[in-house]
Amino acid sequence: MNHTVNADGKKLGRLATEVAHILRGKANPSFARNEEPKELVVIENAGKIFMTEKKQKEKVYQRYSGYPSGLKEETLGKLIARRGVGIVVQRAVYGMLPKNKLRARIIKNLTIKE
């Protein structure tokens, strides 16, 4: 089933919880937590999402290469400048999905249009 969500003026966390809920299939009467849902979500106007300047400066994303001194840090503003708003929304939704084998398959049903 296809769902379209308009991100214009919405906050990042509120949008991510709404999309994660739909992607998980919890809005469906035939919800089963051990089955991959057939829900497709399209987020439109991701570039018009509401974010404060403070969050863009202070929120930090980290990744680790596995090597000594391999911890990289990047602020939200720099990540948006480098890769766009879409990756930020995708990471927020990905973090709100259950941490199991279905998570990688569920996130493939998300499409983000900026």
PDB file of N, CA and C in Angstrom:
ATOM      1  N   MET A   1       0.839  -1.178   0.000  1.00  0.00           N
ATOM      2  CA  MET A   1       0.000   0.000   0.000  1.00  0.00           C
ATOM      3  C   MET A   1       0.887   1.246   0.000  1.00  0.00           C
ATOM      4  N   ASN A   2       0.547   2.219  -0.801  1.00  0.00           N
ATOM      5  CA  ASN A   2       1.361   3.424  -0.922  1.00  0.00           C
ATOM      6  C   ASN A   2       0.836   4.530  -0.018  1.00  0.00           C
ATOM      7  N   HIS A   3       1.771   5.221   0.637  1.00  0.00           N
ATOM      8  CA  HIS A   3       1.447   6.362   1.484  1.00  0.00           C
ATOM      9  C   HIS A   3       2.326   7.525   1.054  1.00  0.00           C
ATOM     10  N   THR A   4       1.769   8.733   1.066  1.00  0.00           N
ATOM     11  CA  THR A   4       2.532   9.930   0.755  1.00  0.00           C
ATOM     12  C   THR A   4       2.458  10.857   1.962  1.00  0.00           C
ATOM     13  N   VAL A   5       3.634  11.337   2.408  1.00  0.00           N
ATOM     14  CA  VAL A   5       3.710  12.226   3.560  1.00  0.00           C
ATOM     15  C   VAL A   5       4.355  13.523   3.104  1.00  0.00           C
ATOM     16  N   ASN A   6       3.719  14.643   3.412  1.00  0.00           N
ATOM     17  CA  ASN A   6       4.262  15.954   3.071  1.00  0.00           C
ATOM     18  C   ASN A   6       5.059  16.460   4.266  1.00  0.00           C
ATOM     19  N   ALA A   7       6.349  16.747   4.070  1.00  0.00           N
ATOM     20  CA  ALA A   7       7.243  17.155   5.155  1.00  0.00           C
ATOM     21  C   ALA A   7       7.323  18.657   5.323  1.00  0.00           C
ATOM     22  N   ASP A   8       6.556  19.418   4.573  1.00  0.00           N
ATOM     23  CA  ASP A   8       6.643  20.873   4.593  1.00  0.00           C
ATOM     24  C   ASP A   8       6.273  21.425   5.973  1.00  0.00           C
ATOM     25  N   GLY A   9       7.242  22.035   6.665  1.00  0.00           N
ATOM     26  CA  GLY A   9       7.014  22.664   7.954  1.00  0.00           C
ATOM     27  C   GLY A   9       6.998  21.734   9.141  1.00  0.00           C
ATOM     28  N   LYS A  10       7.198  20.428   8.949  1.00  0.00           N
ATOM     29  CA  LYS A  10       7.194  19.479  10.064  1.00  0.00           C
ATOM     30  C   LYS A  10       8.581  19.371  10.675  1.00  0.00           C
ATOM     31  N   LYS A  11       8.622  19.037  11.963  1.00  0.00           N
ATOM     32  CA  LYS A  11       9.892  18.821  12.632  1.00  0.00           C
ATOM     33  C   LYS A  11      10.410  17.423  12.291  1.00  0.00           C
ATOM     34  N   LEU A  12      11.723  17.270  12.358  1.00  0.00           N
ATOM     35  CA  LEU A  12      12.373  16.033  11.931  1.00  0.00           C
ATOM     36  C   LEU A  12      11.900  14.822  12.729  1.00  0.00           C
ATOM     37  N   GLY A  13      11.888  14.917  14.044  1.00  0.00           N
ATOM     38  CA  GLY A  13      11.511  13.777  14.874  1.00  0.00           C
ATOM     39  C   GLY A  13      10.059  13.386  14.723  1.00  0.00           C
ATOM     40  N   ARG A  14       9.178  14.375  14.631  1.00  0.00           N
ATOM     41  CA  ARG A  14       7.753  14.088  14.466  1.00  0.00           C
ATOM     42  C   ARG A  14       7.488  13.390  13.136  1.00  0.00           C
ATOM     43  N   LEU A  15       8.160  13.856  12.102  1.00  0.00           N
ATOM     44  CA  LEU A  15       8.025  13.245  10.788  1.00  0.00           C
ATOM     45  C   LEU A  15       8.552  11.816  10.801  1.00  0.00           C
ATOM     46  N   ALA A  16       9.711  11.618  11.435  1.00  0.00           N
ATOM     47  CA  ALA A  16      10.339  10.295  11.458  1.00  0.00           C
ATOM     48  C   ALA A  16       9.490   9.277  12.208  1.00  0.00           C
ATOM     49  N   THR A  17       8.868   9.681  13.315  1.00  0.00           N
ATOM     50  CA  THR A  17       8.030   8.731  14.045  1.00  0.00           C
ATOM     51  C   THR A  17       6.794   8.355  13.247  1.00  0.00           C
ATOM     52  N   GLU A  18       6.206   9.333  12.563  1.00  0.00           N
ATOM     53  CA  GLU A  18       5.025   9.062  11.741  1.00  0.00           C
ATOM     54  C   GLU A  18       5.363   8.082  10.618  1.00  0.00           C
ATOM     55  N   VAL A  19       6.490   8.316   9.956  1.00  0.00           N
ATOM     56  CA  VAL A  19       6.888   7.461   8.831  1.00  0.00           C
ATOM     57  C   VAL A  19       7.286   6.069   9.321  1.00  0.00           C
ATOM     58  N   ALA A  20       7.995   5.988  10.449  1.00  0.00           N
ATOM     59  CA  ALA A  20       8.410   4.684  10.984  1.00  0.00           C
ATOM     60  C   ALA A  20       7.190   3.854  11.375  1.00  0.00           C
ATOM     61  N   HIS A  21       6.182   4.501  11.911  1.00  0.00           N
ATOM     62  CA  HIS A  21       4.941   3.814  12.292  1.00  0.00           C
ATOM     63  C   HIS A  21       4.257   3.201  11.068  1.00  0.00           C
ATOM     64  N   ILE A  22       4.204   3.983   9.990  1.00  0.00           N
ATOM     65  CA  ILE A  22       3.570   3.490   8.758  1.00  0.00           C
ATOM     66  C   ILE A  22       4.407   2.386   8.125  1.00  0.00           C
ATOM     67  N   LEU A  23       5.738   2.603   8.032  1.00  0.00           N
ATOM     68  CA  LEU A  23       6.627   1.612   7.419  1.00  0.00           C
ATOM     69  C   LEU A  23       6.581   0.275   8.162  1.00  0.00           C
ATOM     70  N   ARG A  24       6.467   0.334   9.463  1.00  0.00           N
ATOM     71  CA  ARG A  24       6.440  -0.866  10.286  1.00  0.00           C
ATOM     72  C   ARG A  24       5.174  -1.670  10.036  1.00  0.00           C
ATOM     73  N   GLY A  25       4.111  -1.011   9.528  1.00  0.00           N
ATOM     74  CA  GLY A  25       2.870  -1.711   9.245  1.00  0.00           C
ATOM     75  C   GLY A  25       1.890  -1.678  10.388  1.00  0.00           C
ATOM     76  N   LYS A  26       2.148  -0.834  11.392  1.00  0.00           N
ATOM     77  CA  LYS A  26       1.272  -0.807  12.554  1.00  0.00           C
ATOM     78  C   LYS A  26      -0.069  -0.150  12.275  1.00  0.00           C
ATOM     79  N   ALA A  27      -0.180   0.566  11.158  1.00  0.00           N
ATOM     80  CA  ALA A  27      -1.457   1.176  10.796  1.00  0.00           C
ATOM     81  C   ALA A  27      -2.368   0.171  10.102  1.00  0.00           C
ATOM     82  N   ASN A  28      -1.852  -1.007   9.830  1.00  0.00           N
ATOM     83  CA  ASN A  28      -2.581  -2.059   9.129  1.00  0.00           C
ATOM     84  C   ASN A  28      -3.314  -2.954  10.130  1.00  0.00           C
ATOM     85  N   PRO A  29      -4.525  -3.385   9.840  1.00  0.00           N
ATOM     86  CA  PRO A  29      -5.202  -4.310  10.758  1.00  0.00           C
ATOM     87  C   PRO A  29      -4.556  -5.698  10.777  1.00  0.00           C
ATOM     88  N   SER A  30      -3.811  -6.043   9.733  1.00  0.00           N
ATOM     89  CA  SER A  30      -3.166  -7.360   9.677  1.00  0.00           C
ATOM     90  C   SER A  30      -1.710  -7.290  10.120  1.00  0.00           C
ATOM     91  N   PHE A  31      -1.406  -6.439  11.106  1.00  0.00           N
ATOM     92  CA  PHE A  31      -0.030  -6.268  11.572  1.00  0.00           C
ATOM     93  C   PHE A  31       0.464  -7.525  12.276  1.00  0.00           C
ATOM     94  N   ALA A  32       1.663  -7.957  11.878  1.00  0.00           N
ATOM     95  CA  ALA A  32       2.362  -9.042  12.572  1.00  0.00           C
ATOM     96  C   ALA A  32       3.811  -8.617  12.690  1.00  0.00           C
ATOM     97  N   ARG A  33       4.342  -8.639  13.898  1.00  0.00           N
ATOM     98  CA  ARG A  33       5.674  -8.074  14.103  1.00  0.00           C
ATOM     99  C   ARG A  33       6.800  -8.910  13.520  1.00  0.00           C
ATOM    100  N   ASN A  34       6.536 -10.161  13.145  1.00  0.00           N
ATOM    101  CA  ASN A  34       7.576 -11.005  12.581  1.00  0.00           C
ATOM    102  C   ASN A  34       7.516 -11.086  11.064  1.00  0.00           C
ATOM    103  N   GLU A  35       6.622 -10.323  10.424  1.00  0.00           N
ATOM    104  CA  GLU A  35       6.506 -10.342   8.972  1.00  0.00           C
ATOM    105  C   GLU A  35       6.911  -8.992   8.397  1.00  0.00           C
ATOM    106  N   GLU A  36       7.509  -9.025   7.212  1.00  0.00           N
ATOM    107  CA  GLU A  36       7.886  -7.785   6.540  1.00  0.00           C
ATOM    108  C   GLU A  36       6.632  -7.136   5.957  1.00  0.00           C
ATOM    109  N   PRO A  37       6.333  -5.896   6.359  1.00  0.00           N
ATOM    110  CA  PRO A  37       5.127  -5.242   5.829  1.00  0.00           C
ATOM    111  C   PRO A  37       5.314  -4.798   4.389  1.00  0.00           C
ATOM    112  N   LYS A  38       4.221  -4.672   3.674  1.00  0.00           N
ATOM    113  CA  LYS A  38       4.254  -4.269   2.270  1.00  0.00           C
ATOM    114  C   LYS A  38       3.889  -2.792   2.111  1.00  0.00           C
ATOM    115  N   GLU A  39       4.254  -1.985   3.067  1.00  0.00           N
ATOM    116  CA  GLU A  39       3.936  -0.561   3.048  1.00  0.00           C
ATOM    117  C   GLU A  39       5.035   0.217   2.339  1.00  0.00           C
ATOM    118  N   LEU A  40       4.663   1.097   1.419  1.00  0.00           N
ATOM    119  CA  LEU A  40       5.595   1.976   0.718  1.00  0.00           C
ATOM    120  C   LEU A  40       5.287   3.412   1.124  1.00  0.00           C
ATOM    121  N   VAL A  41       6.309   4.170   1.500  1.00  0.00           N
ATOM    122  CA  VAL A  41       6.118   5.545   1.939  1.00  0.00           C
ATOM    123  C   VAL A  41       6.973   6.466   1.077  1.00  0.00           C
ATOM    124  N   VAL A  42       6.363   7.548   0.592  1.00  0.00           N
ATOM    125  CA  VAL A  42       7.059   8.584  -0.175  1.00  0.00           C
ATOM    126  C   VAL A  42       6.983   9.869   0.634  1.00  0.00           C
ATOM    127  N   ILE A  43       8.140  10.450   0.958  1.00  0.00           N
ATOM    128  CA  ILE A  43       8.189  11.724   1.669  1.00  0.00           C
ATOM    129  C   ILE A  43       8.455  12.806   0.638  1.00  0.00           C
ATOM    130  N   GLU A  44       7.537  13.764   0.552  1.00  0.00           N
ATOM    131  CA  GLU A  44       7.683  14.875  -0.391  1.00  0.00           C
ATOM    132  C   GLU A  44       8.080  16.139   0.371  1.00  0.00           C
ATOM    133  N   ASN A  45       8.740  17.055  -0.327  1.00  0.00           N
ATOM    134  CA  ASN A  45       9.181  18.340   0.228  1.00  0.00           C
ATOM    135  C   ASN A  45      10.098  18.175   1.435  1.00  0.00           C
ATOM    136  N   ALA A  46      11.024  17.231   1.368  1.00  0.00           N
ATOM    137  CA  ALA A  46      11.946  17.013   2.482  1.00  0.00           C
ATOM    138  C   ALA A  46      12.860  18.213   2.695  1.00  0.00           C
ATOM    139  N   GLY A  47      13.104  18.995   1.674  1.00  0.00           N
ATOM    140  CA  GLY A  47      13.948  20.169   1.808  1.00  0.00           C
ATOM    141  C   GLY A  47      13.301  21.284   2.597  1.00  0.00           C
ATOM    142  N   LYS A  48      11.981  21.225   2.779  1.00  0.00           N
ATOM    143  CA  LYS A  48      11.260  22.274   3.504  1.00  0.00           C
ATOM    144  C   LYS A  48      10.985  21.885   4.953  1.00  0.00           C
ATOM    145  N   ILE A  49      11.710  20.893   5.467  1.00  0.00           N
ATOM    146  CA  ILE A  49      11.525  20.446   6.833  1.00  0.00           C
ATOM    147  C   ILE A  49      11.978  21.538   7.797  1.00  0.00           C
ATOM    148  N   PHE A  50      11.334  21.641   8.953  1.00  0.00           N
ATOM    149  CA  PHE A  50      11.657  22.680   9.927  1.00  0.00           C
ATOM    150  C   PHE A  50      12.809  22.215  10.814  1.00  0.00           C
ATOM    151  N   MET A  51      13.892  23.012  10.836  1.00  0.00           N
ATOM    152  CA  MET A  51      15.046  22.733  11.696  1.00  0.00           C
ATOM    153  C   MET A  51      15.602  24.048  12.210  1.00  0.00           C
ATOM    154  N   THR A  52      15.898  24.107  13.485  1.00  0.00           N
ATOM    155  CA  THR A  52      16.445  25.331  14.048  1.00  0.00           C
ATOM    156  C   THR A  52      17.938  25.428  13.746  1.00  0.00           C
ATOM    157  N   GLU A  53      18.455  26.644  13.822  1.00  0.00           N
ATOM    158  CA  GLU A  53      19.889  26.861  13.617  1.00  0.00           C
ATOM    159  C   GLU A  53      20.696  26.168  14.713  1.00  0.00           C
ATOM    160  N   LYS A  54      20.157  26.170  15.924  1.00  0.00           N
ATOM    161  CA  LYS A  54      20.861  25.551  17.042  1.00  0.00           C
ATOM    162  C   LYS A  54      21.057  24.054  16.801  1.00  0.00           C
ATOM    163  N   LYS A  55      20.013  23.384  16.315  1.00  0.00           N
ATOM    164  CA  LYS A  55      20.125  21.950  16.041  1.00  0.00           C
ATOM    165  C   LYS A  55      21.135  21.682  14.933  1.00  0.00           C
ATOM    166  N   GLN A  56      21.167  22.536  13.910  1.00  0.00           N
ATOM    167  CA  GLN A  56      22.110  22.335  12.820  1.00  0.00           C
ATOM    168  C   GLN A  56      23.548  22.502  13.280  1.00  0.00           C
ATOM    169  N   LYS A  57      23.772  23.324  14.286  1.00  0.00           N
ATOM    170  CA  LYS A  57      25.136  23.536  14.787  1.00  0.00           C
ATOM    171  C   LYS A  57      25.538  22.508  15.831  1.00  0.00           C
ATOM    172  N   GLU A  58      24.589  22.080  16.680  1.00  0.00           N
ATOM    173  CA  GLU A  58      24.946  21.285  17.854  1.00  0.00           C
ATOM    174  C   GLU A  58      24.717  19.783  17.714  1.00  0.00           C
ATOM    175  N   LYS A  59      23.807  19.356  16.838  1.00  0.00           N
ATOM    176  CA  LYS A  59      23.588  17.909  16.688  1.00  0.00           C
ATOM    177  C   LYS A  59      24.752  17.298  15.934  1.00  0.00           C
ATOM    178  N   VAL A  60      25.318  16.243  16.497  1.00  0.00           N
ATOM    179  CA  VAL A  60      26.522  15.629  15.939  1.00  0.00           C
ATOM    180  C   VAL A  60      26.224  14.179  15.561  1.00  0.00           C
ATOM    181  N   TYR A  61      26.596  13.813  14.349  1.00  0.00           N
ATOM    182  CA  TYR A  61      26.520  12.425  13.894  1.00  0.00           C
ATOM    183  C   TYR A  61      27.924  11.835  13.959  1.00  0.00           C
ATOM    184  N   GLN A  62      28.023  10.598  14.468  1.00  0.00           N
ATOM    185  CA  GLN A  62      29.327   9.947  14.599  1.00  0.00           C
ATOM    186  C   GLN A  62      29.334   8.651  13.802  1.00  0.00           C
ATOM    187  N   ARG A  63      30.510   8.321  13.275  1.00  0.00           N
ATOM    188  CA  ARG A  63      30.699   7.016  12.654  1.00  0.00           C
ATOM    189  C   ARG A  63      32.110   6.555  12.994  1.00  0.00           C
ATOM    190  N   TYR A  64      32.285   5.250  13.042  1.00  0.00           N
ATOM    191  CA  TYR A  64      33.560   4.689  13.459  1.00  0.00           C
ATOM    192  C   TYR A  64      34.048   3.702  12.415  1.00  0.00           C
ATOM    193  N   SER A  65      35.284   3.866  11.971  1.00  0.00           N
ATOM    194  CA  SER A  65      35.833   3.032  10.915  1.00  0.00           C
ATOM    195  C   SER A  65      36.307   1.674  11.427  1.00  0.00           C
ATOM    196  N   GLY A  66      36.516   1.549  12.722  1.00  0.00           N
ATOM    197  CA  GLY A  66      37.014   0.310  13.286  1.00  0.00           C
ATOM    198  C   GLY A  66      38.505   0.348  13.551  1.00  0.00           C
ATOM    199  N   TYR A  67      39.160   1.386  13.101  1.00  0.00           N
ATOM    200  CA  TYR A  67      40.599   1.538  13.303  1.00  0.00           C
ATOM    201  C   TYR A  67      40.868   2.500  14.453  1.00  0.00           C
ATOM    202  N   PRO A  68      42.063   2.435  15.042  1.00  0.00           N
ATOM    203  CA  PRO A  68      42.398   3.400  16.083  1.00  0.00           C
ATOM    204  C   PRO A  68      42.309   4.830  15.551  1.00  0.00           C
ATOM    205  N   SER A  69      41.750   5.695  16.355  1.00  0.00           N
ATOM    206  CA  SER A  69      41.475   7.097  16.037  1.00  0.00           C
ATOM    207  C   SER A  69      40.624   7.221  14.772  1.00  0.00           C
ATOM    208  N   GLY A  70      39.700   6.285  14.590  1.00  0.00           N
ATOM    209  CA  GLY A  70      38.850   6.280  13.403  1.00  0.00           C
ATOM    210  C   GLY A  70      37.457   6.819  13.651  1.00  0.00           C
ATOM    211  N   LEU A  71      37.265   7.545  14.767  1.00  0.00           N
ATOM    212  CA  LEU A  71      35.965   8.118  15.076  1.00  0.00           C
ATOM    213  C   LEU A  71      35.809   9.449  14.351  1.00  0.00           C
ATOM    214  N   LYS A  72      34.820   9.529  13.466  1.00  0.00           N
ATOM    215  CA  LYS A  72      34.582  10.755  12.702  1.00  0.00           C
ATOM    216  C   LYS A  72      33.320  11.410  13.248  1.00  0.00           C
ATOM    217  N   GLU A  73      33.347  12.724  13.377  1.00  0.00           N
ATOM    218  CA  GLU A  73      32.190  13.479  13.840  1.00  0.00           C
ATOM    219  C   GLU A  73      31.835  14.530  12.807  1.00  0.00           C
ATOM    220  N   GLU A  74      30.527  14.768  12.643  1.00  0.00           N
ATOM    221  CA  GLU A  74      30.047  15.723  11.662  1.00  0.00           C
ATOM    222  C   GLU A  74      28.751  16.336  12.190  1.00  0.00           C
ATOM    223  N   THR A  75      28.629  17.640  12.094  1.00  0.00           N
ATOM    224  CA  THR A  75      27.406  18.286  12.560  1.00  0.00           C
ATOM    225  C   THR A  75      26.291  18.094  11.536  1.00  0.00           C
ATOM    226  N   LEU A  76      25.073  18.352  11.982  1.00  0.00           N
ATOM    227  CA  LEU A  76      23.916  18.205  11.114  1.00  0.00           C
ATOM    228  C   LEU A  76      23.993  19.153   9.921  1.00  0.00           C
ATOM    229  N   GLY A  77      24.421  20.374  10.154  1.00  0.00           N
ATOM    230  CA  GLY A  77      24.527  21.346   9.066  1.00  0.00           C
ATOM    231  C   GLY A  77      25.518  20.926   7.993  1.00  0.00           C
ATOM    232  N   LYS A  78      26.661  20.378   8.418  1.00  0.00           N
ATOM    233  CA  LYS A  78      27.666  19.928   7.454  1.00  0.00           C
ATOM    234  C   LYS A  78      27.192  18.699   6.686  1.00  0.00           C
ATOM    235  N   LEU A  79      26.451  17.813   7.371  1.00  0.00           N
ATOM    236  CA  LEU A  79      25.914  16.625   6.705  1.00  0.00           C
ATOM    237  C   LEU A  79      24.890  17.014   5.642  1.00  0.00           C
ATOM    238  N   ILE A  80      24.044  17.993   5.957  1.00  0.00           N
ATOM    239  CA  ILE A  80      23.058  18.476   4.986  1.00  0.00           C
ATOM    240  C   ILE A  80      23.758  19.115   3.786  1.00  0.00           C
ATOM    241  N   ALA A  81      24.808  19.887   4.055  1.00  0.00           N
ATOM    242  CA  ALA A  81      25.539  20.532   2.963  1.00  0.00           C
ATOM    243  C   ALA A  81      26.228  19.501   2.076  1.00  0.00           C
ATOM    244  N   ARG A  82      26.716  18.420   2.680  1.00  0.00           N
ATOM    245  CA  ARG A  82      27.469  17.424   1.930  1.00  0.00           C
ATOM    246  C   ARG A  82      26.571  16.440   1.195  1.00  0.00           C
ATOM    247  N   ARG A  83      25.497  15.939   1.859  1.00  0.00           N
ATOM    248  CA  ARG A  83      24.697  14.864   1.278  1.00  0.00           C
ATOM    249  C   ARG A  83      23.223  15.189   1.093  1.00  0.00           C
ATOM    250  N   GLY A  84      22.738  16.306   1.642  1.00  0.00           N
ATOM    251  CA  GLY A  84      21.347  16.693   1.463  1.00  0.00           C
ATOM    252  C   GLY A  84      20.481  16.317   2.652  1.00  0.00           C
ATOM    253  N   VAL A  85      19.270  16.846   2.644  1.00  0.00           N
ATOM    254  CA  VAL A  85      18.343  16.627   3.751  1.00  0.00           C
ATOM    255  C   VAL A  85      17.813  15.191   3.749  1.00  0.00           C
ATOM    256  N   GLY A  86      17.752  14.573   2.598  1.00  0.00           N
ATOM    257  CA  GLY A  86      17.204  13.226   2.487  1.00  0.00           C
ATOM    258  C   GLY A  86      17.901  12.212   3.358  1.00  0.00           C
ATOM    259  N   ILE A  87      19.216  12.292   3.433  1.00  0.00           N
ATOM    260  CA  ILE A  87      19.974  11.327   4.247  1.00  0.00           C
ATOM    261  C   ILE A  87      19.708  11.528   5.729  1.00  0.00           C
ATOM    262  N   VAL A  88      19.453  12.766   6.135  1.00  0.00           N
ATOM    263  CA  VAL A  88      19.153  13.058   7.534  1.00  0.00           C
ATOM    264  C   VAL A  88      17.808  12.453   7.917  1.00  0.00           C
ATOM    265  N   VAL A  89      16.811  12.613   7.049  1.00  0.00           N
ATOM    266  CA  VAL A  89      15.488  12.043   7.307  1.00  0.00           C
ATOM    267  C   VAL A  89      15.580  10.522   7.321  1.00  0.00           C
ATOM    268  N   GLN A  90      16.336   9.958   6.393  1.00  0.00           N
ATOM    269  CA  GLN A  90      16.468   8.503   6.331  1.00  0.00           C
ATOM    270  C   GLN A  90      17.133   7.956   7.595  1.00  0.00           C
ATOM    271  N   ARG A  91      18.170   8.626   8.089  1.00  0.00           N
ATOM    272  CA  ARG A  91      18.833   8.177   9.315  1.00  0.00           C
ATOM    273  C   ARG A  91      17.911   8.268  10.518  1.00  0.00           C
ATOM    274  N   ALA A  92      17.074   9.309  10.565  1.00  0.00           N
ATOM    275  CA  ALA A  92      16.139   9.463  11.680  1.00  0.00           C
ATOM    276  C   ALA A  92      15.102   8.342  11.673  1.00  0.00           C
ATOM    277  N   VAL A  93      14.563   8.022  10.504  1.00  0.00           N
ATOM    278  CA  VAL A  93      13.577   6.945  10.398  1.00  0.00           C
ATOM    279  C   VAL A  93      14.231   5.603  10.699  1.00  0.00           C
ATOM    280  N   TYR A  94      15.427   5.384  10.182  1.00  0.00           N
ATOM    281  CA  TYR A  94      16.158   4.131  10.389  1.00  0.00           C
ATOM    282  C   TYR A  94      16.403   3.877  11.874  1.00  0.00           C
ATOM    283  N   GLY A  95      16.708   4.940  12.606  1.00  0.00           N
ATOM    284  CA  GLY A  95      16.945   4.799  14.041  1.00  0.00           C
ATOM    285  C   GLY A  95      15.697   4.476  14.826  1.00  0.00           C
ATOM    286  N   MET A  96      14.531   4.759  14.270  1.00  0.00           N
ATOM    287  CA  MET A  96      13.272   4.503  14.962  1.00  0.00           C
ATOM    288  C   MET A  96      12.646   3.161  14.600  1.00  0.00           C
ATOM    289  N   LEU A  97      13.245   2.440  13.688  1.00  0.00           N
ATOM    290  CA  LEU A  97      12.760   1.103  13.356  1.00  0.00           C
ATOM    291  C   LEU A  97      13.367   0.103  14.330  1.00  0.00           C
ATOM    292  N   PRO A  98      12.734  -1.056  14.526  1.00  0.00           N
ATOM    293  CA  PRO A  98      13.260  -2.036  15.474  1.00  0.00           C
ATOM    294  C   PRO A  98      14.624  -2.574  15.028  1.00  0.00           C
ATOM    295  N   LYS A  99      15.487  -2.813  15.987  1.00  0.00           N
ATOM    296  CA  LYS A  99      16.853  -3.245  15.697  1.00  0.00           C
ATOM    297  C   LYS A  99      16.884  -4.756  15.507  1.00  0.00           C
ATOM    298  N   ASN A 100      16.418  -5.222  14.361  1.00  0.00           N
ATOM    299  CA  ASN A 100      16.419  -6.642  14.058  1.00  0.00           C
ATOM    300  C   ASN A 100      16.677  -6.848  12.566  1.00  0.00           C
ATOM    301  N   LYS A 101      16.513  -8.071  12.081  1.00  0.00           N
ATOM    302  CA  LYS A 101      16.835  -8.394  10.693  1.00  0.00           C
ATOM    303  C   LYS A 101      15.893  -7.741   9.691  1.00  0.00           C
ATOM    304  N   LEU A 102      14.720  -7.339  10.129  1.00  0.00           N
ATOM    305  CA  LEU A 102      13.756  -6.728   9.219  1.00  0.00           C
ATOM    306  C   LEU A 102      14.070  -5.273   8.925  1.00  0.00           C
ATOM    307  N   ARG A 103      14.869  -4.625   9.762  1.00  0.00           N
ATOM    308  CA  ARG A 103      15.096  -3.183   9.627  1.00  0.00           C
ATOM    309  C   ARG A 103      15.679  -2.812   8.274  1.00  0.00           C
ATOM    310  N   ALA A 104      16.664  -3.537   7.798  1.00  0.00           N
ATOM    311  CA  ALA A 104      17.296  -3.225   6.511  1.00  0.00           C
ATOM    312  C   ALA A 104      16.317  -3.413   5.352  1.00  0.00           C
ATOM    313  N   ARG A 105      15.418  -4.380   5.476  1.00  0.00           N
ATOM    314  CA  ARG A 105      14.437  -4.612   4.414  1.00  0.00           C
ATOM    315  C   ARG A 105      13.316  -3.583   4.445  1.00  0.00           C
ATOM    316  N   ILE A 106      12.927  -3.155   5.643  1.00  0.00           N
ATOM    317  CA  ILE A 106      11.836  -2.185   5.778  1.00  0.00           C
ATOM    318  C   ILE A 106      12.254  -0.819   5.244  1.00  0.00           C
ATOM    319  N   ILE A 107      13.506  -0.392   5.511  1.00  0.00           N
ATOM    320  CA  ILE A 107      13.933   0.956   5.111  1.00  0.00           C
ATOM    321  C   ILE A 107      14.010   1.092   3.591  1.00  0.00           C
ATOM    322  N   LYS A 108      14.079  -0.018   2.862  1.00  0.00           N
ATOM    323  CA  LYS A 108      14.090   0.040   1.409  1.00  0.00           C
ATOM    324  C   LYS A 108      12.749   0.493   0.831  1.00  0.00           C
ATOM    325  N   ASN A 109      11.698   0.447   1.648  1.00  0.00           N
ATOM    326  CA  ASN A 109      10.379   0.884   1.194  1.00  0.00           C
ATOM    327  C   ASN A 109      10.165   2.378   1.364  1.00  0.00           C
ATOM    328  N   LEU A 110      11.200   3.094   1.751  1.00  0.00           N
ATOM    329  CA  LEU A 110      11.118   4.537   1.959  1.00  0.00           C
ATOM    330  C   LEU A 110      11.748   5.269   0.773  1.00  0.00           C
ATOM    331  N   THR A 111      11.016   6.244   0.217  1.00  0.00           N
ATOM    332  CA  THR A 111      11.513   7.086  -0.860  1.00  0.00           C
ATOM    333  C   THR A 111      11.408   8.531  -0.408  1.00  0.00           C
ATOM    334  N   ILE A 112      12.492   9.294  -0.592  1.00  0.00           N
ATOM    335  CA  ILE A 112      12.516  10.678  -0.138  1.00  0.00           C
ATOM    336  C   ILE A 112      12.744  11.574  -1.342  1.00  0.00           C
ATOM    337  N   LYS A 113      11.839  12.552  -1.506  1.00  0.00           N
ATOM    338  CA  LYS A 113      11.960  13.530  -2.599  1.00  0.00           C
ATOM    339  C   LYS A 113      12.209  14.901  -1.989  1.00  0.00           C
ATOM    340  N   GLU A 114      13.248  15.557  -2.440  1.00  0.00           N
ATOM    341  CA  GLU A 114      13.579  16.875  -1.897  1.00  0.00           C
ATOM    342  C   GLU A 114      13.035  17.944  -2.722  1.00  0.00           C
TER     343      GLU A 114
END
